[in-house]
């Protein structure tokens, strides 16, 4: 999405349990988002109440897409949003050059620093 300059307003989470029961939850946001941090945060809000038992599948879908910077700039926290976008752009460039998985954000690593 970032490479193509696309953002989205609707986040959908799909959860399938061990017994093949499937739940789908979605939320349409007032403004579009495109950073992985924002997408993760919104998906977790939808999924967290349902994360119990044996899970076979967990999927996230972004829809209600907009081309370009469809995101409304926040009144507060604009500096933080800019930092996150710069970070994700740098991560994308490194992965393009050295391959997927060559670098990860610290928050995506397991506890204890082990991969």
PDB file of N, CA and C in Angstrom:
ATOM      1  N   UNK A   1       0.821  -1.185   0.000  1.00  0.00           N
ATOM      2  CA  UNK A   1       0.000   0.000   0.000  1.00  0.00           C
ATOM      3  C   UNK A   1       0.870   1.255   0.000  1.00  0.00           C
ATOM      4  N   UNK A   2       1.909   1.250   0.849  1.00  0.00           N
ATOM      5  CA  UNK A   2       2.761   2.434   0.935  1.00  0.00           C
ATOM      6  C   UNK A   2       3.467   2.696  -0.388  1.00  0.00           C
ATOM      7  N   UNK A   3       3.968   1.645  -1.018  1.00  0.00           N
ATOM      8  CA  UNK A   3       4.694   1.811  -2.277  1.00  0.00           C
ATOM      9  C   UNK A   3       3.807   2.399  -3.362  1.00  0.00           C
ATOM     10  N   UNK A   4       2.537   2.064  -3.337  1.00  0.00           N
ATOM     11  CA  UNK A   4       1.600   2.547  -4.353  1.00  0.00           C
ATOM     12  C   UNK A   4       0.902   3.835  -3.937  1.00  0.00           C
ATOM     13  N   UNK A   5       1.196   4.317  -2.718  1.00  0.00           N
ATOM     14  CA  UNK A   5       0.578   5.553  -2.246  1.00  0.00           C
ATOM     15  C   UNK A   5      -0.908   5.412  -1.992  1.00  0.00           C
ATOM     16  N   UNK A   6      -1.301   4.258  -1.446  1.00  0.00           N
ATOM     17  CA  UNK A   6      -2.713   3.984  -1.196  1.00  0.00           C
ATOM     18  C   UNK A   6      -2.956   3.920   0.306  1.00  0.00           C
ATOM     19  N   UNK A   7      -4.066   4.467   0.729  1.00  0.00           N
ATOM     20  CA  UNK A   7      -4.479   4.375   2.124  1.00  0.00           C
ATOM     21  C   UNK A   7      -5.911   3.847   2.153  1.00  0.00           C
ATOM     22  N   UNK A   8      -6.374   3.421   3.315  1.00  0.00           N
ATOM     23  CA  UNK A   8      -7.715   2.848   3.418  1.00  0.00           C
ATOM     24  C   UNK A   8      -8.422   3.266   4.683  1.00  0.00           C
ATOM     25  N   UNK A   9      -9.747   3.221   4.631  1.00  0.00           N
ATOM     26  CA  UNK A   9     -10.554   3.622   5.786  1.00  0.00           C
ATOM     27  C   UNK A   9     -11.183   2.454   6.526  1.00  0.00           C
ATOM     28  N   UNK A  10     -11.402   1.319   5.849  1.00  0.00           N
ATOM     29  CA  UNK A  10     -12.095   0.206   6.491  1.00  0.00           C
ATOM     30  C   UNK A  10     -11.111  -0.919   6.796  1.00  0.00           C
ATOM     31  N   UNK A  11     -11.076  -1.329   8.051  1.00  0.00           N
ATOM     32  CA  UNK A  11     -10.232  -2.425   8.519  1.00  0.00           C
ATOM     33  C   UNK A  11     -11.151  -3.589   8.852  1.00  0.00           C
ATOM     34  N   UNK A  12     -10.843  -4.767   8.298  1.00  0.00           N
ATOM     35  CA  UNK A  12     -11.629  -5.971   8.579  1.00  0.00           C
ATOM     36  C   UNK A  12     -10.699  -7.045   9.113  1.00  0.00           C
ATOM     37  N   UNK A  13     -11.113  -7.698  10.178  1.00  0.00           N
ATOM     38  CA  UNK A  13     -10.357  -8.802  10.772  1.00  0.00           C
ATOM     39  C   UNK A  13     -11.191 -10.067  10.653  1.00  0.00           C
ATOM     40  N   UNK A  14     -10.560 -11.139  10.184  1.00  0.00           N
ATOM     41  CA  UNK A  14     -11.222 -12.441  10.072  1.00  0.00           C
ATOM     42  C   UNK A  14     -10.487 -13.425  10.977  1.00  0.00           C
ATOM     43  N   UNK A  15     -11.246 -14.119  11.814  1.00  0.00           N
ATOM     44  CA  UNK A  15     -10.673 -15.097  12.746  1.00  0.00           C
ATOM     45  C   UNK A  15     -11.371 -16.426  12.526  1.00  0.00           C
ATOM     46  N   UNK A  16     -10.585 -17.486  12.288  1.00  0.00           N
ATOM     47  CA  UNK A  16     -11.138 -18.834  12.159  1.00  0.00           C
ATOM     48  C   UNK A  16     -10.528 -19.687  13.273  1.00  0.00           C
ATOM     49  N   UNK A  17     -11.415 -20.319  14.027  1.00  0.00           N
ATOM     50  CA  UNK A  17     -10.991 -21.142  15.160  1.00  0.00           C
ATOM     51  C   UNK A  17     -10.728 -22.580  14.734  1.00  0.00           C
ATOM     52  N   UNK A  18     -10.217 -23.367  15.657  1.00  0.00           N
ATOM     53  CA  UNK A  18      -9.892 -24.766  15.399  1.00  0.00           C
ATOM     54  C   UNK A  18     -11.074 -25.591  14.922  1.00  0.00           C
ATOM     55  N   UNK A  19     -12.277 -25.248  15.350  1.00  0.00           N
ATOM     56  CA  UNK A  19     -13.473 -25.978  14.929  1.00  0.00           C
ATOM     57  C   UNK A  19     -14.078 -25.390  13.640  1.00  0.00           C
ATOM     58  N   UNK A  20     -13.315 -24.508  12.972  1.00  0.00           N
ATOM     59  CA  UNK A  20     -13.687 -23.860  11.709  1.00  0.00           C
ATOM     60  C   UNK A  20     -14.801 -22.817  11.851  1.00  0.00           C
ATOM     61  N   UNK A  21     -15.169 -22.467  13.074  1.00  0.00           N
ATOM     62  CA  UNK A  21     -16.068 -21.340  13.279  1.00  0.00           C
ATOM     63  C   UNK A  21     -15.316 -20.089  12.847  1.00  0.00           C
ATOM     64  N   UNK A  22     -15.978 -19.233  12.091  1.00  0.00           N
ATOM     65  CA  UNK A  22     -15.317 -18.040  11.565  1.00  0.00           C
ATOM     66  C   UNK A  22     -16.067 -16.778  11.993  1.00  0.00           C
ATOM     67  N   UNK A  23     -15.318 -15.794  12.486  1.00  0.00           N
ATOM     68  CA  UNK A  23     -15.864 -14.495  12.867  1.00  0.00           C
ATOM     69  C   UNK A  23     -15.223 -13.415  12.009  1.00  0.00           C
ATOM     70  N   UNK A  24     -15.991 -12.433  11.625  1.00  0.00           N
ATOM     71  CA  UNK A  24     -15.474 -11.288  10.888  1.00  0.00           C
ATOM     72  C   UNK A  24     -15.931 -10.024  11.583  1.00  0.00           C
ATOM     73  N   UNK A  25     -14.990  -9.127  11.824  1.00  0.00           N
ATOM     74  CA  UNK A  25     -15.287  -7.842  12.456  1.00  0.00           C
ATOM     75  C   UNK A  25     -14.681  -6.752  11.590  1.00  0.00           C
ATOM     76  N   UNK A  26     -15.398  -5.633  11.410  1.00  0.00           N
ATOM     77  CA  UNK A  26     -14.839  -4.534  10.631  1.00  0.00           C
ATOM     78  C   UNK A  26     -15.221  -3.194  11.237  1.00  0.00           C
ATOM     79  N   UNK A  27     -14.444  -2.189  10.886  1.00  0.00           N
ATOM     80  CA  UNK A  27     -14.683  -0.825  11.350  1.00  0.00           C
ATOM     81  C   UNK A  27     -14.238   0.134  10.258  1.00  0.00           C
ATOM     82  N   UNK A  28     -15.088   1.116   9.958  1.00  0.00           N
ATOM     83  CA  UNK A  28     -14.727   2.151   9.008  1.00  0.00           C
ATOM     84  C   UNK A  28     -14.339   3.399   9.790  1.00  0.00           C
ATOM     85  N   UNK A  29     -13.137   3.864   9.535  1.00  0.00           N
ATOM     86  CA  UNK A  29     -12.577   5.007  10.246  1.00  0.00           C
ATOM     87  C   UNK A  29     -12.983   6.315   9.576  1.00  0.00           C
ATOM     88  N   UNK A  30     -12.987   7.409  10.321  1.00  0.00           N
ATOM     89  CA  UNK A  30     -13.350   8.692   9.718  1.00  0.00           C
ATOM     90  C   UNK A  30     -12.316   9.197   8.711  1.00  0.00           C
ATOM     91  N   UNK A  31     -11.047   8.800   8.888  1.00  0.00           N
ATOM     92  CA  UNK A  31      -9.994   9.191   7.960  1.00  0.00           C
ATOM     93  C   UNK A  31      -9.206   7.961   7.537  1.00  0.00           C
ATOM     94  N   UNK A  32      -8.585   8.048   6.379  1.00  0.00           N
ATOM     95  CA  UNK A  32      -7.803   6.926   5.851  1.00  0.00           C
ATOM     96  C   UNK A  32      -6.477   6.786   6.598  1.00  0.00           C
ATOM     97  N   UNK A  33      -5.977   5.548   6.668  1.00  0.00           N
ATOM     98  CA  UNK A  33      -4.684   5.269   7.290  1.00  0.00           C
ATOM     99  C   UNK A  33      -3.844   4.435   6.331  1.00  0.00           C
ATOM    100  N   UNK A  34      -2.509   4.491   6.509  1.00  0.00           N
ATOM    101  CA  UNK A  34      -1.649   3.690   5.649  1.00  0.00           C
ATOM    102  C   UNK A  34      -0.432   3.128   6.368  1.00  0.00           C
ATOM    103  N   UNK A  35      -0.118   3.614   7.555  1.00  0.00           N
ATOM    104  CA  UNK A  35       1.073   3.107   8.242  1.00  0.00           C
ATOM    105  C   UNK A  35       0.765   1.760   8.903  1.00  0.00           C
ATOM    106  N   UNK A  36       1.766   0.909   8.944  1.00  0.00           N
ATOM    107  CA  UNK A  36       1.562  -0.409   9.548  1.00  0.00           C
ATOM    108  C   UNK A  36       1.198  -0.276  11.022  1.00  0.00           C
ATOM    109  N   UNK A  37       1.730   0.730  11.679  1.00  0.00           N
ATOM    110  CA  UNK A  37       1.424   0.966  13.097  1.00  0.00           C
ATOM    111  C   UNK A  37      -0.067   1.259  13.290  1.00  0.00           C
ATOM    112  N   UNK A  38      -0.619   2.118  12.443  1.00  0.00           N
ATOM    113  CA  UNK A  38      -2.047   2.450  12.542  1.00  0.00           C
ATOM    114  C   UNK A  38      -2.923   1.245  12.206  1.00  0.00           C
ATOM    115  N   UNK A  39      -2.547   0.512  11.162  1.00  0.00           N
ATOM    116  CA  UNK A  39      -3.319  -0.665  10.752  1.00  0.00           C
ATOM    117  C   UNK A  39      -3.301  -1.715  11.861  1.00  0.00           C
ATOM    118  N   UNK A  40      -2.126  -1.963  12.436  1.00  0.00           N
ATOM    119  CA  UNK A  40      -1.996  -2.927  13.524  1.00  0.00           C
ATOM    120  C   UNK A  40      -2.865  -2.531  14.715  1.00  0.00           C
ATOM    121  N   UNK A  41      -2.792  -1.263  15.103  1.00  0.00           N
ATOM    122  CA  UNK A  41      -3.556  -0.777  16.255  1.00  0.00           C
ATOM    123  C   UNK A  41      -5.060  -0.968  16.042  1.00  0.00           C
ATOM    124  N   UNK A  42      -5.552  -0.601  14.858  1.00  0.00           N
ATOM    125  CA  UNK A  42      -6.990  -0.724  14.582  1.00  0.00           C
ATOM    126  C   UNK A  42      -7.418  -2.190  14.485  1.00  0.00           C
ATOM    127  N   UNK A  43      -6.593  -3.031  13.864  1.00  0.00           N
ATOM    128  CA  UNK A  43      -6.921  -4.459  13.758  1.00  0.00           C
ATOM    129  C   UNK A  43      -6.937  -5.114  15.134  1.00  0.00           C
ATOM    130  N   UNK A  44      -6.012  -4.730  15.992  1.00  0.00           N
ATOM    131  CA  UNK A  44      -5.957  -5.299  17.335  1.00  0.00           C
ATOM    132  C   UNK A  44      -7.195  -4.922  18.149  1.00  0.00           C
ATOM    133  N   UNK A  45      -7.697  -3.708  17.967  1.00  0.00           N
ATOM    134  CA  UNK A  45      -8.929  -3.297  18.658  1.00  0.00           C
ATOM    135  C   UNK A  45     -10.089  -4.220  18.278  1.00  0.00           C
ATOM    136  N   UNK A  46     -10.142  -4.609  17.014  1.00  0.00           N
ATOM    137  CA  UNK A  46     -11.221  -5.483  16.545  1.00  0.00           C
ATOM    138  C   UNK A  46     -11.025  -6.932  16.986  1.00  0.00           C
ATOM    139  N   UNK A  47      -9.777  -7.401  16.960  1.00  0.00           N
ATOM    140  CA  UNK A  47      -9.503  -8.819  17.206  1.00  0.00           C
ATOM    141  C   UNK A  47      -9.384  -9.176  18.682  1.00  0.00           C
ATOM    142  N   UNK A  48      -8.853  -8.297  19.489  1.00  0.00           N
ATOM    143  CA  UNK A  48      -8.530  -8.620  20.887  1.00  0.00           C
ATOM    144  C   UNK A  48      -9.675  -9.287  21.650  1.00  0.00           C
ATOM    145  N   UNK A  49     -10.916  -8.793  21.572  1.00  0.00           N
ATOM    146  CA  UNK A  49     -11.985  -9.447  22.341  1.00  0.00           C
ATOM    147  C   UNK A  49     -12.280 -10.879  21.876  1.00  0.00           C
ATOM    148  N   UNK A  50     -11.842 -11.230  20.678  1.00  0.00           N
ATOM    149  CA  UNK A  50     -12.155 -12.542  20.102  1.00  0.00           C
ATOM    150  C   UNK A  50     -10.982 -13.519  20.160  1.00  0.00           C
ATOM    151  N   UNK A  51      -9.832 -13.111  20.673  1.00  0.00           N
ATOM    152  CA  UNK A  51      -8.633 -13.950  20.648  1.00  0.00           C
ATOM    153  C   UNK A  51      -8.609 -14.914  21.827  1.00  0.00           C
ATOM    154  N   UNK A  52      -9.400 -15.964  21.710  1.00  0.00           N
ATOM    155  CA  UNK A  52      -9.442 -17.016  22.724  1.00  0.00           C
ATOM    156  C   UNK A  52      -9.492 -18.363  22.028  1.00  0.00           C
ATOM    157  N   UNK A  53      -8.949 -19.361  22.662  1.00  0.00           N
ATOM    158  CA  UNK A  53      -8.997 -20.713  22.111  1.00  0.00           C
ATOM    159  C   UNK A  53      -7.982 -20.916  20.997  1.00  0.00           C
ATOM    160  N   UNK A  54      -8.184 -21.994  20.267  1.00  0.00           N
ATOM    161  CA  UNK A  54      -7.282 -22.383  19.185  1.00  0.00           C
ATOM    162  C   UNK A  54      -7.661 -21.629  17.905  1.00  0.00           C
ATOM    163  N   UNK A  55      -6.733 -20.820  17.396  1.00  0.00           N
ATOM    164  CA  UNK A  55      -6.994 -20.024  16.197  1.00  0.00           C
ATOM    165  C   UNK A  55      -6.231 -20.622  15.019  1.00  0.00           C
ATOM    166  N   UNK A  56      -6.970 -20.926  13.942  1.00  0.00           N
ATOM    167  CA  UNK A  56      -6.380 -21.492  12.729  1.00  0.00           C
ATOM    168  C   UNK A  56      -5.946 -20.415  11.754  1.00  0.00           C
ATOM    169  N   UNK A  57      -6.681 -19.295  11.735  1.00  0.00           N
ATOM    170  CA  UNK A  57      -6.427 -18.261  10.748  1.00  0.00           C
ATOM    171  C   UNK A  57      -6.747 -16.909  11.349  1.00  0.00           C
ATOM    172  N   UNK A  58      -5.900 -15.948  11.058  1.00  0.00           N
ATOM    173  CA  UNK A  58      -6.142 -14.569  11.464  1.00  0.00           C
ATOM    174  C   UNK A  58      -5.771 -13.699  10.271  1.00  0.00           C
ATOM    175  N   UNK A  59      -6.753 -13.014   9.708  1.00  0.00           N
ATOM    176  CA  UNK A  59      -6.508 -12.198   8.529  1.00  0.00           C
ATOM    177  C   UNK A  59      -6.940 -10.765   8.729  1.00  0.00           C
ATOM    178  N   UNK A  60      -6.238  -9.863   8.053  1.00  0.00           N
ATOM    179  CA  UNK A  60      -6.564  -8.437   8.102  1.00  0.00           C
ATOM    180  C   UNK A  60      -6.744  -7.946   6.674  1.00  0.00           C
ATOM    181  N   UNK A  61      -7.821  -7.211   6.446  1.00  0.00           N
ATOM    182  CA  UNK A  61      -8.088  -6.655   5.115  1.00  0.00           C
ATOM    183  C   UNK A  61      -8.290  -5.147   5.256  1.00  0.00           C
ATOM    184  N   UNK A  62      -7.754  -4.409   4.299  1.00  0.00           N
ATOM    185  CA  UNK A  62      -7.941  -2.967   4.236  1.00  0.00           C
ATOM    186  C   UNK A  62      -8.787  -2.693   3.001  1.00  0.00           C
ATOM    187  N   UNK A  63      -9.839  -1.915   3.143  1.00  0.00           N
ATOM    188  CA  UNK A  63     -10.688  -1.580   2.002  1.00  0.00           C
ATOM    189  C   UNK A  63     -11.118  -0.120   2.098  1.00  0.00           C
ATOM    190  N   UNK A  64     -12.026   0.274   1.236  1.00  0.00           N
ATOM    191  CA  UNK A  64     -12.429   1.673   1.145  1.00  0.00           C
ATOM    192  C   UNK A  64     -11.182   2.504   0.872  1.00  0.00           C
ATOM    193  N   UNK A  65     -10.466   2.107  -0.207  1.00  0.00           N
ATOM    194  CA  UNK A  65      -9.148   2.646  -0.521  1.00  0.00           C
ATOM    195  C   UNK A  65      -9.215   4.011  -1.193  1.00  0.00           C
ATOM    196  N   UNK A  66      -8.132   4.764  -0.992  1.00  0.00           N
ATOM    197  CA  UNK A  66      -7.978   6.070  -1.632  1.00  0.00           C
ATOM    198  C   UNK A  66      -6.549   6.175  -2.146  1.00  0.00           C
ATOM    199  N   UNK A  67      -6.378   6.705  -3.354  1.00  0.00           N
ATOM    200  CA  UNK A  67      -5.034   6.910  -3.888  1.00  0.00           C
ATOM    201  C   UNK A  67      -4.448   8.184  -3.324  1.00  0.00           C
ATOM    202  N   UNK A  68      -3.125   8.211  -3.265  1.00  0.00           N
ATOM    203  CA  UNK A  68      -2.428   9.391  -2.761  1.00  0.00           C
ATOM    204  C   UNK A  68      -2.539   9.483  -1.260  1.00  0.00           C
ATOM    205  N   UNK A  69      -2.169  10.610  -0.749  1.00  0.00           N
ATOM    206  CA  UNK A  69      -2.229  10.846   0.691  1.00  0.00           C
ATOM    207  C   UNK A  69      -3.665  11.171   1.073  1.00  0.00           C
ATOM    208  N   UNK A  70      -4.495  10.155   1.162  1.00  0.00           N
ATOM    209  CA  UNK A  70      -5.888  10.351   1.511  1.00  0.00           C
ATOM    210  C   UNK A  70      -6.100  10.595   2.991  1.00  0.00           C
ATOM    211  N   UNK A  71      -5.011  10.542   3.730  1.00  0.00           N
ATOM    212  CA  UNK A  71      -5.121  10.692   5.177  1.00  0.00           C
ATOM    213  C   UNK A  71      -5.261  12.150   5.574  1.00  0.00           C
ATOM    214  N   UNK A  72      -6.116  12.385   6.534  1.00  0.00           N
ATOM    215  CA  UNK A  72      -6.248  13.724   7.100  1.00  0.00           C
ATOM    216  C   UNK A  72      -5.150  13.887   8.136  1.00  0.00           C
ATOM    217  N   UNK A  73      -4.437  14.989   8.071  1.00  0.00           N
ATOM    218  CA  UNK A  73      -3.377  15.219   9.037  1.00  0.00           C
ATOM    219  C   UNK A  73      -3.987  15.489  10.405  1.00  0.00           C
ATOM    220  N   UNK A  74      -3.434  14.870  11.446  1.00  0.00           N
ATOM    221  CA  UNK A  74      -3.982  15.080  12.785  1.00  0.00           C
ATOM    222  C   UNK A  74      -3.647  16.470  13.304  1.00  0.00           C
ATOM    223  N   UNK A  75      -4.550  17.021  14.100  1.00  0.00           N
ATOM    224  CA  UNK A  75      -4.316  18.325  14.704  1.00  0.00           C
ATOM    225  C   UNK A  75      -3.195  18.229  15.737  1.00  0.00           C
ATOM    226  N   UNK A  76      -3.203  17.147  16.503  1.00  0.00           N
ATOM    227  CA  UNK A  76      -2.157  16.902  17.487  1.00  0.00           C
ATOM    228  C   UNK A  76      -1.432  15.627  17.095  1.00  0.00           C
ATOM    229  N   UNK A  77      -0.144  15.573  17.306  1.00  0.00           N
ATOM    230  CA  UNK A  77       0.612  14.368  17.000  1.00  0.00           C
ATOM    231  C   UNK A  77       1.077  14.292  15.556  1.00  0.00           C
ATOM    232  N   UNK A  78       1.000  15.404  14.813  1.00  0.00           N
ATOM    233  CA  UNK A  78       1.425  15.398  13.405  1.00  0.00           C
ATOM    234  C   UNK A  78       2.901  15.067  13.295  1.00  0.00           C
ATOM    235  N   UNK A  79       3.705  15.533  14.240  1.00  0.00           N
ATOM    236  CA  UNK A  79       5.144  15.259  14.218  1.00  0.00           C
ATOM    237  C   UNK A  79       5.409  13.758  14.361  1.00  0.00           C
ATOM    238  N   UNK A  80       4.679  13.108  15.244  1.00  0.00           N
ATOM    239  CA  UNK A  80       4.838  11.661  15.449  1.00  0.00           C
ATOM    240  C   UNK A  80       4.441  10.899  14.190  1.00  0.00           C
ATOM    241  N   UNK A  81       3.352  11.308  13.547  1.00  0.00           N
ATOM    242  CA  UNK A  81       2.905  10.658  12.309  1.00  0.00           C
ATOM    243  C   UNK A  81       3.964  10.793  11.233  1.00  0.00           C
ATOM    244  N   UNK A  82       4.576  11.959  11.123  1.00  0.00           N
ATOM    245  CA  UNK A  82       5.632  12.184  10.140  1.00  0.00           C
ATOM    246  C   UNK A  82       6.824  11.278  10.417  1.00  0.00           C
ATOM    247  N   UNK A  83       7.189  11.119  11.687  1.00  0.00           N
ATOM    248  CA  UNK A  83       8.307  10.245  12.060  1.00  0.00           C
ATOM    249  C   UNK A  83       8.018   8.799  11.671  1.00  0.00           C
ATOM    250  N   UNK A  84       6.804   8.332  11.916  1.00  0.00           N
ATOM    251  CA  UNK A  84       6.433   6.954  11.590  1.00  0.00           C
ATOM    252  C   UNK A  84       6.508   6.742  10.081  1.00  0.00           C
ATOM    253  N   UNK A  85       6.013   7.699   9.308  1.00  0.00           N
ATOM    254  CA  UNK A  85       6.054   7.577   7.845  1.00  0.00           C
ATOM    255  C   UNK A  85       7.489   7.544   7.331  1.00  0.00           C
ATOM    256  N   UNK A  86       8.366   8.377   7.903  1.00  0.00           N
ATOM    257  CA  UNK A  86       9.775   8.376   7.506  1.00  0.00           C
ATOM    258  C   UNK A  86      10.437   7.039   7.849  1.00  0.00           C
ATOM    259  N   UNK A  87      10.124   6.520   9.033  1.00  0.00           N
ATOM    260  CA  UNK A  87      10.667   5.232   9.458  1.00  0.00           C
ATOM    261  C   UNK A  87      10.234   4.130   8.501  1.00  0.00           C
ATOM    262  N   UNK A  88       8.947   4.078   8.182  1.00  0.00           N
ATOM    263  CA  UNK A  88       8.448   3.027   7.302  1.00  0.00           C
ATOM    264  C   UNK A  88       9.021   3.160   5.894  1.00  0.00           C
ATOM    265  N   UNK A  89       9.234   4.371   5.436  1.00  0.00           N
ATOM    266  CA  UNK A  89       9.856   4.589   4.129  1.00  0.00           C
ATOM    267  C   UNK A  89      11.291   4.059   4.125  1.00  0.00           C
ATOM    268  N   UNK A  90      12.024   4.333   5.191  1.00  0.00           N
ATOM    269  CA  UNK A  90      13.402   3.833   5.296  1.00  0.00           C
ATOM    270  C   UNK A  90      13.427   2.310   5.353  1.00  0.00           C
ATOM    271  N   UNK A  91      12.512   1.707   6.117  1.00  0.00           N
ATOM    272  CA  UNK A  91      12.437   0.246   6.196  1.00  0.00           C
ATOM    273  C   UNK A  91      12.130  -0.356   4.822  1.00  0.00           C
ATOM    274  N   UNK A  92      11.212   0.264   4.087  1.00  0.00           N
ATOM    275  CA  UNK A  92      10.873  -0.219   2.742  1.00  0.00           C
ATOM    276  C   UNK A  92      12.088  -0.185   1.824  1.00  0.00           C
ATOM    277  N   UNK A  93      12.865   0.898   1.868  1.00  0.00           N
ATOM    278  CA  UNK A  93      14.050   1.030   1.009  1.00  0.00           C
ATOM    279  C   UNK A  93      15.091  -0.035   1.335  1.00  0.00           C
ATOM    280  N   UNK A  94      15.302  -0.293   2.623  1.00  0.00           N
ATOM    281  CA  UNK A  94      16.276  -1.319   3.029  1.00  0.00           C
ATOM    282  C   UNK A  94      15.814  -2.696   2.571  1.00  0.00           C
ATOM    283  N   UNK A  95      14.509  -3.004   2.728  1.00  0.00           N
ATOM    284  CA  UNK A  95      13.998  -4.304   2.297  1.00  0.00           C
ATOM    285  C   UNK A  95      14.050  -4.445   0.782  1.00  0.00           C
ATOM    286  N   UNK A  96      13.823  -3.363   0.052  1.00  0.00           N
ATOM    287  CA  UNK A  96      13.933  -3.410  -1.408  1.00  0.00           C
ATOM    288  C   UNK A  96      15.358  -3.753  -1.827  1.00  0.00           C
ATOM    289  N   UNK A  97      16.331  -3.187  -1.120  1.00  0.00           N
ATOM    290  CA  UNK A  97      17.736  -3.391  -1.475  1.00  0.00           C
ATOM    291  C   UNK A  97      18.277  -4.735  -1.003  1.00  0.00           C
ATOM    292  N   UNK A  98      17.936  -5.150   0.228  1.00  0.00           N
ATOM    293  CA  UNK A  98      18.545  -6.336   0.825  1.00  0.00           C
ATOM    294  C   UNK A  98      17.601  -7.523   0.984  1.00  0.00           C
ATOM    295  N   UNK A  99      16.346  -7.356   0.627  1.00  0.00           N
ATOM    296  CA  UNK A  99      15.396  -8.460   0.695  1.00  0.00           C
ATOM    297  C   UNK A  99      14.474  -8.382   1.898  1.00  0.00           C
ATOM    298  N   UNK A 100      13.313  -9.018   1.705  1.00  0.00           N
ATOM    299  CA  UNK A 100      12.315  -9.040   2.770  1.00  0.00           C
ATOM    300  C   UNK A 100      12.885  -9.759   3.993  1.00  0.00           C
ATOM    301  N   UNK A 101      12.623  -9.203   5.147  1.00  0.00           N
ATOM    302  CA  UNK A 101      13.111  -9.808   6.385  1.00  0.00           C
ATOM    303  C   UNK A 101      14.513  -9.368   6.757  1.00  0.00           C
ATOM    304  N   UNK A 102      15.145  -8.518   5.929  1.00  0.00           N
ATOM    305  CA  UNK A 102      16.500  -8.072   6.228  1.00  0.00           C
ATOM    306  C   UNK A 102      16.534  -7.106   7.408  1.00  0.00           C
ATOM    307  N   UNK A 103      15.405  -6.464   7.680  1.00  0.00           N
ATOM    308  CA  UNK A 103      15.303  -5.549   8.812  1.00  0.00           C
ATOM    309  C   UNK A 103      13.865  -5.578   9.313  1.00  0.00           C
ATOM    310  N   UNK A 104      13.717  -5.463  10.623  1.00  0.00           N
ATOM    311  CA  UNK A 104      12.394  -5.447  11.233  1.00  0.00           C
ATOM    312  C   UNK A 104      12.372  -4.394  12.325  1.00  0.00           C
ATOM    313  N   UNK A 105      11.177  -3.896  12.584  1.00  0.00           N
ATOM    314  CA  UNK A 105      11.020  -2.977  13.703  1.00  0.00           C
ATOM    315  C   UNK A 105      11.186  -3.751  14.997  1.00  0.00           C
ATOM    316  N   UNK A 106      11.744  -3.113  16.005  1.00  0.00           N
ATOM    317  CA  UNK A 106      11.970  -3.762  17.286  1.00  0.00           C
ATOM    318  C   UNK A 106      10.698  -4.300  17.908  1.00  0.00           C
ATOM    319  N   UNK A 107       9.577  -3.665  17.671  1.00  0.00           N
ATOM    320  CA  UNK A 107       8.319  -4.098  18.262  1.00  0.00           C
ATOM    321  C   UNK A 107       7.804  -5.387  17.636  1.00  0.00           C
ATOM    322  N   UNK A 108       8.359  -5.794  16.473  1.00  0.00           N
ATOM    323  CA  UNK A 108       7.876  -7.011  15.826  1.00  0.00           C
ATOM    324  C   UNK A 108       8.652  -8.246  16.268  1.00  0.00           C
ATOM    325  N   UNK A 109       9.664  -8.065  17.119  1.00  0.00           N
ATOM    326  CA  UNK A 109      10.462  -9.194  17.581  1.00  0.00           C
ATOM    327  C   UNK A 109       9.829  -9.803  18.823  1.00  0.00           C
ATOM    328  N   UNK A 110      10.062 -11.099  19.011  1.00  0.00           N
ATOM    329  CA  UNK A 110       9.537 -11.784  20.185  1.00  0.00           C
ATOM    330  C   UNK A 110      10.236 -11.290  21.429  1.00  0.00           C
ATOM    331  N   UNK A 111       9.625 -11.539  22.583  1.00  0.00           N
ATOM    332  CA  UNK A 111      10.216 -11.148  23.855  1.00  0.00           C
ATOM    333  C   UNK A 111      11.566 -11.817  24.025  1.00  0.00           C
ATOM    334  N   UNK A 112      12.488 -11.122  24.674  1.00  0.00           N
ATOM    335  CA  UNK A 112      13.813 -11.667  24.920  1.00  0.00           C
ATOM    336  C   UNK A 112      14.774 -11.425  23.775  1.00  0.00           C
ATOM    337  N   UNK A 113      14.320 -10.747  22.715  1.00  0.00           N
ATOM    338  CA  UNK A 113      15.201 -10.410  21.616  1.00  0.00           C
ATOM    339  C   UNK A 113      15.494 -11.561  20.667  1.00  0.00           C
ATOM    340  N   UNK A 114      14.841 -12.708  20.844  1.00  0.00           N
ATOM    341  CA  UNK A 114      15.070 -13.849  19.974  1.00  0.00           C
ATOM    342  C   UNK A 114      14.131 -13.800  18.796  1.00  0.00           C
ATOM    343  N   UNK A 115      14.562 -14.325  17.693  1.00  0.00           N
ATOM    344  CA  UNK A 115      13.752 -14.343  16.489  1.00  0.00           C
ATOM    345  C   UNK A 115      12.826 -15.526  16.477  1.00  0.00           C
TER     346      UNK A 115
END
